[in-house]
N, C-alpha and C. Protein backbone atom coordinates (compact mmCIF):
# COMPACT_ATOMS: atom_id res chain seq x y z
N UNK A 1 46.53 96.61 132.07
CA UNK A 1 46.54 96.69 130.84
C UNK A 1 45.63 97.34 129.86
N UNK A 2 44.30 97.36 130.59
CA UNK A 2 43.27 98.10 129.75
C UNK A 2 43.71 99.60 130.02
N UNK A 3 44.20 100.19 131.05
CA UNK A 3 44.54 101.56 130.89
C UNK A 3 45.81 101.91 130.13
N UNK A 4 46.44 100.95 129.90
CA UNK A 4 47.72 101.04 129.03
C UNK A 4 47.11 101.26 127.64
N UNK A 5 46.15 100.48 127.12
CA UNK A 5 45.53 100.59 125.81
C UNK A 5 44.86 101.84 125.81
N UNK A 6 44.22 102.40 126.75
CA UNK A 6 43.17 103.49 126.66
C UNK A 6 44.34 104.55 126.52
N UNK A 7 45.28 104.64 127.25
CA UNK A 7 46.25 105.73 127.25
C UNK A 7 46.89 105.76 125.70
N UNK A 8 47.24 104.63 125.19
CA UNK A 8 47.71 104.59 123.71
C UNK A 8 46.74 105.04 122.84
N UNK A 9 45.37 104.65 122.93
CA UNK A 9 44.34 105.25 121.97
C UNK A 9 44.43 106.72 122.01
N UNK A 10 44.15 107.07 123.28
CA UNK A 10 43.96 108.58 123.59
C UNK A 10 45.18 109.32 122.88
N UNK A 11 46.31 108.79 122.98
CA UNK A 11 47.56 109.55 122.20
C UNK A 11 47.35 109.46 120.66
N UNK A 12 47.03 108.37 120.18
CA UNK A 12 46.43 108.44 118.89
C UNK A 12 45.52 109.31 118.47
N UNK A 13 44.42 109.49 119.41
CA UNK A 13 43.27 110.66 119.02
C UNK A 13 43.81 111.75 119.04
N UNK A 14 44.60 112.24 120.10
CA UNK A 14 45.23 113.42 120.26
C UNK A 14 46.09 113.85 119.34
N UNK A 15 46.86 112.99 118.91
CA UNK A 15 47.81 113.14 117.62
C UNK A 15 47.03 113.42 116.14
N UNK A 16 46.04 112.97 116.11
CA UNK A 16 45.21 113.27 114.84
C UNK A 16 44.19 114.25 114.90
N UNK A 17 43.57 114.27 116.01
CA UNK A 17 42.41 115.22 116.07
C UNK A 17 42.65 116.61 116.78
N UNK A 18 43.34 116.35 117.90
CA UNK A 18 43.47 117.66 118.84
C UNK A 18 44.67 118.30 118.70
N UNK A 19 45.64 117.89 118.15
CA UNK A 19 46.91 118.32 117.84
C UNK A 19 46.56 119.72 117.01
N UNK A 20 46.71 120.93 117.55
CA UNK A 20 46.25 122.07 116.99
C UNK A 20 47.33 122.63 116.16
N UNK A 21 48.58 122.23 116.45
CA UNK A 21 49.96 122.96 115.63
C UNK A 21 50.96 122.30 115.48
N UNK A 22 51.63 122.44 114.55
CA UNK A 22 53.09 121.98 114.29
C UNK A 22 54.03 122.90 115.15
N UNK A 23 54.85 122.41 115.87
CA UNK A 23 55.84 123.17 116.19
C UNK A 23 57.00 123.33 115.38
N UNK A 24 57.52 124.65 115.15
CA UNK A 24 58.59 125.01 114.41
C UNK A 24 59.60 125.61 115.27
N UNK A 25 60.92 125.86 114.60
CA UNK A 25 61.97 126.30 115.35
C UNK A 25 61.59 127.65 115.66
N UNK A 26 61.73 128.02 116.87
CA UNK A 26 61.29 129.24 117.64
C UNK A 26 62.40 129.53 118.61
N UNK A 27 62.66 130.92 118.93
CA UNK A 27 63.44 131.44 119.73
C UNK A 27 62.71 131.73 121.28
N UNK A 28 63.08 131.08 122.27
CA UNK A 28 62.48 131.43 123.52
C UNK A 28 63.34 132.55 124.28
N UNK A 29 64.08 133.24 123.57
CA UNK A 29 64.89 134.31 124.13
C UNK A 29 63.85 135.31 124.54
N UNK A 30 63.91 135.44 125.93
CA UNK A 30 63.30 136.59 126.73
C UNK A 30 61.65 136.28 127.02
N UNK A 31 61.35 135.00 126.44
CA UNK A 31 59.79 134.92 126.72
C UNK A 31 59.56 134.87 127.98
N UNK A 32 60.17 134.43 128.89
CA UNK A 32 59.84 134.68 130.44
C UNK A 32 59.45 136.12 130.72
N UNK A 33 60.50 137.00 130.13
CA UNK A 33 60.59 138.37 130.77
C UNK A 33 59.31 138.97 130.04
N UNK A 34 59.05 138.58 128.90
CA UNK A 34 57.96 139.30 128.22
C UNK A 34 56.47 138.79 128.50
N UNK A 35 56.48 137.48 128.99
CA UNK A 35 55.03 137.00 129.30
C UNK A 35 54.40 137.38 130.53
N UNK A 36 53.30 137.55 130.40
CA UNK A 36 52.41 138.16 131.73
C UNK A 36 51.58 136.79 132.02
N UNK A 37 50.79 136.23 131.29
CA UNK A 37 49.75 135.33 131.76
C UNK A 37 50.34 133.98 131.47
N UNK A 38 50.05 133.12 132.59
CA UNK A 38 50.26 131.91 132.57
C UNK A 38 49.09 130.96 132.75
N UNK A 39 49.03 129.86 132.15
CA UNK A 39 48.06 128.87 132.57
C UNK A 39 49.19 127.70 133.27
N UNK A 40 48.86 127.36 134.62
CA UNK A 40 49.44 126.34 135.09
C UNK A 40 48.72 125.24 135.62
N UNK A 41 49.01 124.04 134.94
CA UNK A 41 48.18 122.69 135.09
C UNK A 41 49.00 122.23 136.29
N UNK A 42 48.55 122.23 137.18
CA UNK A 42 48.87 121.47 138.64
C UNK A 42 49.16 119.81 138.41
N UNK A 43 50.02 119.43 139.03
CA UNK A 43 50.07 117.87 139.11
C UNK A 43 48.94 117.05 139.97
N UNK A 44 48.43 115.87 139.42
CA UNK A 44 47.93 115.05 140.10
C UNK A 44 48.24 114.40 141.35
N UNK A 45 49.43 114.38 141.72
CA UNK A 45 50.09 113.75 142.79
C UNK A 45 50.16 114.46 144.10
N UNK A 46 49.77 114.04 145.17
CA UNK A 46 49.50 114.99 146.45
C UNK A 46 50.90 115.70 146.78
N UNK A 47 51.96 114.90 146.86
CA UNK A 47 53.19 115.49 146.95
C UNK A 47 53.83 116.36 145.90
N UNK A 48 53.71 116.03 144.73
CA UNK A 48 54.08 117.03 143.76
C UNK A 48 53.20 118.22 143.89
N UNK A 49 52.03 118.13 144.08
CA UNK A 49 50.95 119.31 144.20
C UNK A 49 51.77 120.40 145.43
N UNK A 50 52.01 119.95 146.53
CA UNK A 50 52.24 120.52 147.60
C UNK A 50 53.72 121.37 147.06
N UNK A 51 54.59 120.67 146.50
CA UNK A 51 55.73 121.36 145.90
C UNK A 51 55.75 122.31 144.67
N UNK A 52 54.69 122.06 143.82
CA UNK A 52 54.54 122.58 142.77
C UNK A 52 53.92 124.16 143.16
N UNK A 53 53.23 124.44 144.37
CA UNK A 53 53.10 125.83 144.79
C UNK A 53 54.15 126.65 144.63
N UNK A 54 55.42 126.21 144.86
CA UNK A 54 56.58 127.14 144.74
C UNK A 54 56.68 127.66 143.55
N UNK A 55 56.00 126.96 142.21
CA UNK A 55 56.25 127.62 140.89
C UNK A 55 55.37 128.76 140.92
N UNK A 56 54.10 128.55 141.67
CA UNK A 56 53.17 129.82 141.67
C UNK A 56 53.42 131.06 142.37
N UNK A 57 54.51 130.43 143.56
CA UNK A 57 54.95 131.72 144.27
C UNK A 57 56.13 132.40 143.39
N UNK A 58 56.95 131.68 142.60
CA UNK A 58 57.95 132.31 141.70
C UNK A 58 57.30 133.13 140.57
N UNK A 59 56.21 132.66 140.35
CA UNK A 59 55.46 133.71 139.29
C UNK A 59 55.11 134.83 139.84
N UNK A 60 54.50 134.58 140.96
CA UNK A 60 54.21 135.98 141.78
C UNK A 60 55.24 136.81 141.96
N UNK A 61 56.41 136.40 142.26
CA UNK A 61 57.59 137.27 142.64
C UNK A 61 57.97 137.97 141.36
N UNK A 62 57.87 137.33 140.32
CA UNK A 62 58.14 138.10 139.05
C UNK A 62 57.00 138.89 138.41
N UNK A 63 55.90 138.93 139.11
CA UNK A 63 54.72 139.69 138.86
C UNK A 63 54.22 139.23 137.61
N UNK A 64 53.87 138.04 137.49
CA UNK A 64 53.09 137.25 136.24
C UNK A 64 51.89 136.73 136.97
N UNK A 65 50.93 136.81 135.99
CA UNK A 65 49.63 136.46 136.35
C UNK A 65 49.50 134.88 135.97
N UNK A 66 49.19 134.09 136.98
CA UNK A 66 48.83 132.71 137.00
C UNK A 66 47.38 132.41 137.23
N UNK A 67 46.83 131.50 136.06
CA UNK A 67 45.49 130.95 136.24
C UNK A 67 46.02 129.39 136.71
N UNK A 68 45.44 128.82 137.62
CA UNK A 68 45.54 127.74 138.01
C UNK A 68 44.54 126.64 137.74
N UNK A 69 44.90 125.51 136.87
CA UNK A 69 44.23 124.37 136.38
C UNK A 69 44.27 123.25 137.29
N UNK A 70 43.34 122.70 138.13
CA UNK A 70 43.54 121.64 139.37
C UNK A 70 42.08 120.95 139.52
N UNK A 71 42.23 119.76 139.98
CA UNK A 71 41.13 119.09 140.53
C UNK A 71 40.32 119.90 141.68
N UNK A 72 39.23 119.65 141.40
CA UNK A 72 38.04 120.46 142.11
C UNK A 72 38.48 120.19 143.63
N UNK A 73 38.50 118.88 144.23
CA UNK A 73 38.93 118.68 145.74
C UNK A 73 40.21 119.62 145.90
N UNK A 74 41.18 119.87 145.05
CA UNK A 74 42.54 120.52 145.80
C UNK A 74 42.45 121.70 145.39
N UNK A 75 41.28 122.71 144.90
CA UNK A 75 41.25 123.80 144.72
C UNK A 75 41.50 124.52 146.12
N UNK A 76 41.15 124.13 147.14
CA UNK A 76 41.28 124.71 148.60
C UNK A 76 42.67 124.78 148.91
N UNK A 77 43.31 123.80 148.18
CA UNK A 77 44.82 123.78 148.78
C UNK A 77 45.54 124.66 148.04
N UNK A 78 44.91 125.40 147.00
CA UNK A 78 45.99 126.65 146.27
C UNK A 78 45.69 127.76 147.09
N UNK A 79 47.04 128.44 147.28
CA UNK A 79 46.89 129.55 148.25
C UNK A 79 45.72 130.52 147.90
N UNK A 80 45.31 131.19 148.68
CA UNK A 80 44.07 132.21 148.64
C UNK A 80 44.48 133.04 147.62
N UNK A 81 45.66 133.64 147.70
CA UNK A 81 45.91 134.76 146.34
C UNK A 81 45.84 134.25 145.29
N UNK A 82 45.70 132.90 144.74
CA UNK A 82 45.29 132.29 143.61
C UNK A 82 44.00 132.08 143.24
N UNK A 83 43.21 131.61 144.32
CA UNK A 83 41.85 131.06 144.34
C UNK A 83 40.87 131.78 143.28
N UNK A 84 40.91 133.10 143.04
CA UNK A 84 40.07 133.79 142.10
C UNK A 84 40.40 133.34 140.59
N UNK A 85 41.62 132.79 140.38
CA UNK A 85 41.95 132.23 139.05
C UNK A 85 42.14 130.78 138.89
N UNK A 86 41.44 130.29 139.75
CA UNK A 86 41.43 128.64 139.75
C UNK A 86 40.45 128.14 138.75
N UNK A 87 40.69 127.42 137.62
CA UNK A 87 39.70 126.53 136.93
C UNK A 87 40.00 125.20 137.41
N UNK A 88 38.87 124.85 137.97
CA UNK A 88 38.54 123.28 138.49
C UNK A 88 38.08 122.32 137.73
N UNK A 89 38.37 121.27 137.78
CA UNK A 89 37.90 120.04 136.87
C UNK A 89 37.37 118.90 137.77
N UNK A 90 36.50 118.23 137.41
CA UNK A 90 36.15 116.92 138.18
C UNK A 90 36.24 115.54 137.39
N UNK A 91 36.13 114.38 138.22
CA UNK A 91 36.38 113.20 137.46
C UNK A 91 35.33 113.19 136.05
N UNK A 92 34.04 114.08 136.26
CA UNK A 92 32.93 113.81 135.09
C UNK A 92 33.84 114.71 133.84
N UNK A 93 34.54 115.65 134.15
CA UNK A 93 35.25 116.31 133.09
C UNK A 93 36.25 115.51 132.20
N UNK A 94 36.37 114.35 132.74
CA UNK A 94 37.65 113.32 132.19
C UNK A 94 36.86 112.15 131.56
N UNK A 95 36.89 112.18 130.10
CA UNK A 95 36.35 111.10 129.41
C UNK A 95 36.84 109.91 129.54
N UNK A 96 36.33 108.82 128.78
CA UNK A 96 37.02 107.36 128.99
C UNK A 96 38.39 107.39 128.55
N UNK A 97 38.68 108.21 127.42
CA UNK A 97 39.93 108.01 126.92
C UNK A 97 40.81 109.33 127.31
N UNK A 98 40.45 109.75 128.28
CA UNK A 98 41.23 110.89 128.98
C UNK A 98 41.04 112.19 128.43
N UNK A 99 40.11 112.25 127.31
CA UNK A 99 39.66 113.60 126.60
C UNK A 99 38.68 114.33 127.62
N UNK A 100 38.94 115.67 127.60
CA UNK A 100 38.22 116.72 128.17
C UNK A 100 36.67 116.67 127.95
N UNK A 101 35.60 116.75 128.70
CA UNK A 101 34.32 117.10 128.44
C UNK A 101 34.15 118.02 127.32
N UNK A 102 33.09 117.98 126.59
CA UNK A 102 32.87 119.30 125.80
C UNK A 102 32.74 120.65 126.35
N UNK A 103 32.09 120.95 127.50
CA UNK A 103 31.85 122.11 128.33
C UNK A 103 33.38 122.47 128.56
N UNK A 104 34.14 121.70 129.32
CA UNK A 104 35.64 122.15 129.44
C UNK A 104 36.23 122.48 128.13
N UNK A 105 36.11 121.75 127.07
CA UNK A 105 37.19 122.25 125.92
C UNK A 105 36.62 123.59 125.62
N UNK A 106 35.48 123.66 125.34
CA UNK A 106 34.97 124.92 125.07
C UNK A 106 35.28 126.12 125.76
N UNK A 107 35.40 125.95 127.15
CA UNK A 107 36.08 126.84 128.13
C UNK A 107 37.28 127.03 127.82
N UNK A 108 38.07 126.17 127.75
CA UNK A 108 39.60 126.30 127.67
C UNK A 108 39.84 126.88 126.16
N UNK A 109 39.14 126.38 125.15
CA UNK A 109 39.43 126.98 123.72
C UNK A 109 39.31 128.34 123.70
N UNK A 110 38.60 128.95 124.53
CA UNK A 110 38.32 130.32 124.46
C UNK A 110 39.24 131.26 125.19
N UNK A 111 40.07 130.63 125.94
CA UNK A 111 41.16 131.26 126.60
C UNK A 111 42.48 131.60 126.07
N UNK A 112 43.21 132.71 126.51
CA UNK A 112 44.33 132.91 125.65
C UNK A 112 45.48 133.35 126.71
N UNK A 113 46.68 132.75 126.55
CA UNK A 113 47.65 133.03 127.73
C UNK A 113 49.09 133.09 126.89
N UNK A 114 50.17 133.65 127.53
CA UNK A 114 51.23 133.85 127.02
C UNK A 114 52.16 132.34 126.94
N UNK A 115 51.76 131.72 128.03
CA UNK A 115 52.30 130.33 128.13
C UNK A 115 51.61 129.30 129.01
N UNK A 116 51.66 128.08 128.86
CA UNK A 116 51.12 126.99 129.66
C UNK A 116 52.46 126.34 130.16
N UNK A 117 52.04 126.17 131.43
CA UNK A 117 53.08 125.42 132.18
C UNK A 117 52.50 124.24 133.04
N UNK A 118 52.77 122.95 132.23
CA UNK A 118 52.43 121.66 132.84
C UNK A 118 53.24 121.29 134.02
N UNK A 119 52.97 121.22 135.12
CA UNK A 119 53.77 120.54 136.43
C UNK A 119 53.63 119.28 136.58
N UNK A 120 53.04 118.31 135.81
CA UNK A 120 52.97 116.81 136.00
C UNK A 120 54.51 116.49 135.60
N UNK A 121 55.03 115.72 136.54
CA UNK A 121 56.24 115.10 136.41
C UNK A 121 56.18 113.90 135.75
N UNK A 122 55.21 113.11 135.74
CA UNK A 122 54.73 112.01 134.95
C UNK A 122 53.84 112.09 133.77
N UNK A 123 53.91 111.41 133.06
CA UNK A 123 52.81 111.39 131.67
C UNK A 123 51.26 111.58 132.25
N UNK A 124 50.51 112.60 131.97
CA UNK A 124 49.31 112.96 132.29
C UNK A 124 48.56 113.17 130.93
N UNK A 125 48.01 112.42 130.37
CA UNK A 125 47.36 112.71 129.09
C UNK A 125 46.26 113.67 129.00
N UNK A 126 45.33 113.52 129.93
CA UNK A 126 44.52 114.46 130.25
C UNK A 126 45.13 115.91 130.38
N UNK A 127 45.80 116.37 131.20
CA UNK A 127 46.54 117.62 131.08
C UNK A 127 47.41 117.87 129.67
N UNK A 128 48.15 116.90 129.45
CA UNK A 128 48.50 117.12 127.80
C UNK A 128 47.66 117.42 126.85
N UNK A 129 46.51 116.98 126.80
CA UNK A 129 45.32 117.33 125.82
C UNK A 129 44.81 118.86 126.12
N UNK A 130 44.88 119.03 127.53
CA UNK A 130 44.29 120.41 127.99
C UNK A 130 45.28 121.67 127.36
N UNK A 131 46.64 120.98 127.53
CA UNK A 131 47.54 122.11 127.00
C UNK A 131 47.46 122.36 125.71
N UNK A 132 47.04 121.32 124.84
CA UNK A 132 46.73 121.78 123.34
C UNK A 132 45.50 122.53 122.94
N UNK A 133 44.55 122.53 124.10
CA UNK A 133 43.29 123.01 123.82
C UNK A 133 43.47 124.58 123.79
N UNK A 134 44.30 124.95 124.80
CA UNK A 134 44.26 126.57 125.16
C UNK A 134 45.24 126.93 124.02
N UNK A 135 45.11 128.28 123.51
CA UNK A 135 45.96 128.97 122.80
C UNK A 135 47.12 129.62 123.65
N UNK A 136 48.24 129.22 123.20
CA UNK A 136 49.50 129.86 123.81
C UNK A 136 50.61 129.53 122.99
N UNK A 137 51.36 130.63 122.89
CA UNK A 137 52.65 130.13 121.73
C UNK A 137 53.66 129.29 122.37
N UNK A 138 53.75 129.35 124.08
CA UNK A 138 54.82 128.52 124.39
C UNK A 138 53.94 127.56 125.60
N UNK A 139 54.38 126.29 125.17
CA UNK A 139 53.78 125.27 126.04
C UNK A 139 54.76 124.56 126.71
N UNK A 140 55.23 124.53 128.00
CA UNK A 140 56.26 124.18 128.58
C UNK A 140 55.54 122.74 129.54
N UNK A 141 56.78 121.79 129.54
CA UNK A 141 56.37 120.57 130.38
C UNK A 141 57.71 120.06 130.68
N UNK A 142 57.54 119.24 131.68
CA UNK A 142 58.65 118.15 131.82
C UNK A 142 58.84 117.19 130.75
N UNK A 143 60.20 116.83 130.55
CA UNK A 143 60.54 115.93 129.58
C UNK A 143 59.92 114.73 130.05
N UNK A 144 59.12 113.98 129.23
CA UNK A 144 58.69 112.70 129.59
C UNK A 144 58.05 112.06 128.34
N UNK A 145 57.62 110.62 128.47
CA UNK A 145 57.13 110.07 127.39
C UNK A 145 56.00 111.03 126.50
N UNK A 146 56.09 111.08 124.95
CA UNK A 146 55.39 111.87 124.14
C UNK A 146 55.43 113.29 124.32
N UNK A 147 56.17 113.71 125.09
CA UNK A 147 56.41 115.27 125.46
C UNK A 147 56.29 116.04 124.18
N UNK A 148 57.05 115.62 123.25
CA UNK A 148 57.27 116.26 122.04
C UNK A 148 55.86 116.35 121.42
N UNK A 149 54.94 115.78 121.53
CA UNK A 149 53.58 116.05 120.81
C UNK A 149 52.77 116.98 121.46
N UNK A 150 53.26 117.46 122.70
CA UNK A 150 52.29 118.53 123.30
C UNK A 150 53.32 119.66 123.48
N UNK A 151 54.58 119.67 124.12
CA UNK A 151 55.22 120.88 124.46
C UNK A 151 56.23 121.37 123.60
N UNK A 152 56.36 122.60 123.41
CA UNK A 152 57.44 123.04 122.58
C UNK A 152 58.60 123.66 123.43
N UNK A 153 58.46 123.55 124.64
CA UNK A 153 59.54 123.61 125.79
C UNK A 153 59.62 122.72 126.76
N UNK A 154 60.60 121.76 126.86
CA UNK A 154 60.80 120.56 127.80
C UNK A 154 61.83 120.96 128.60
N UNK A 155 61.40 120.62 129.73
CA UNK A 155 62.37 121.06 130.86
C UNK A 155 62.91 119.45 131.21
N UNK A 156 63.88 119.22 131.19
CA UNK A 156 64.74 117.92 131.74
C UNK A 156 64.57 117.77 133.20
N UNK A 157 64.14 116.71 133.61
CA UNK A 157 64.15 116.42 134.96
C UNK A 157 64.66 115.02 135.27
N UNK A 158 65.86 114.93 136.05
CA UNK A 158 66.51 113.62 136.32
C UNK A 158 66.23 113.36 138.02
N UNK A 159 65.78 114.40 138.61
CA UNK A 159 65.65 114.73 139.99
C UNK A 159 64.33 113.65 140.47
N UNK A 160 64.35 112.75 141.38
CA UNK A 160 63.44 112.17 142.21
C UNK A 160 62.64 113.03 143.02
N UNK A 161 63.52 113.75 143.72
CA UNK A 161 62.87 114.81 144.83
C UNK A 161 61.96 115.82 144.16
N UNK A 162 60.71 115.84 144.50
CA UNK A 162 59.95 116.88 143.92
C UNK A 162 60.13 118.36 144.19
N UNK A 163 60.50 118.42 145.44
CA UNK A 163 60.94 119.87 145.91
C UNK A 163 62.10 120.45 145.09
N UNK A 164 63.03 119.59 144.64
CA UNK A 164 64.05 120.20 143.93
C UNK A 164 63.68 120.19 142.40
N UNK A 165 62.72 119.22 141.89
CA UNK A 165 62.35 119.31 140.54
C UNK A 165 61.45 120.68 140.33
N UNK A 166 60.76 121.00 141.06
CA UNK A 166 59.88 122.29 140.82
C UNK A 166 60.83 123.58 141.17
N UNK A 167 62.00 123.46 141.80
CA UNK A 167 63.02 124.55 141.95
C UNK A 167 63.57 124.59 140.71
N UNK A 168 64.06 123.51 140.12
CA UNK A 168 64.96 123.50 138.85
C UNK A 168 63.89 124.13 137.71
N UNK A 169 62.82 123.66 137.77
CA UNK A 169 61.80 123.96 136.57
C UNK A 169 61.63 125.34 136.67
N UNK A 170 61.31 126.00 137.84
CA UNK A 170 61.25 127.59 137.92
C UNK A 170 62.65 128.31 137.53
N UNK A 171 63.76 127.62 137.97
CA UNK A 171 64.97 128.16 137.44
C UNK A 171 65.44 128.30 135.97
N UNK A 172 64.71 127.04 135.45
CA UNK A 172 64.84 126.83 134.00
C UNK A 172 64.06 128.14 133.32
N UNK A 173 62.61 128.20 133.66
CA UNK A 173 61.95 129.26 133.24
C UNK A 173 62.54 130.73 133.07
N UNK A 174 63.27 130.83 134.34
CA UNK A 174 63.84 132.34 134.49
C UNK A 174 64.93 132.62 133.54
N UNK A 175 65.86 131.44 133.06
CA UNK A 175 66.68 131.61 132.12
C UNK A 175 66.28 132.04 130.97
N UNK A 176 65.09 131.97 130.33
CA UNK A 176 64.40 132.36 129.24
C UNK A 176 63.96 133.57 129.24
């Protein structure tokens, strides 16, 4: 019950304080083809993390630059090719209301990307807030509770199998 209340309070704070822009109607035509730099927010679930690596491989296949945002203890699970571009965070970087630490906020706010890809299939308020701190015209994530507050491109996922979910995610990106 307390976690539920903390998540709701964090959602209100984000809506009022950290929501950096109102999304307007925009065309996503050729966004994937024209985009070069991506911030990829890796999932916090172990199984999902394993299959989400396929999205990184897909970006590489299309010669896209991916910066990976993940928990410190999972950084070694990221393929060697991407390790120089890993941004790690620890439990100390997550505040009581899932708000990133000031140091992490400052680091992220100074970064620029063509797109942010949140690969969490379930709601993760911390990653949703992170997606709003980073300057990027396209913010993509799976369709989930409150996704319209954070993402201007939502990928519908009715698949329980994580392997298929991430293949579908990459396929959806390729269509744009």
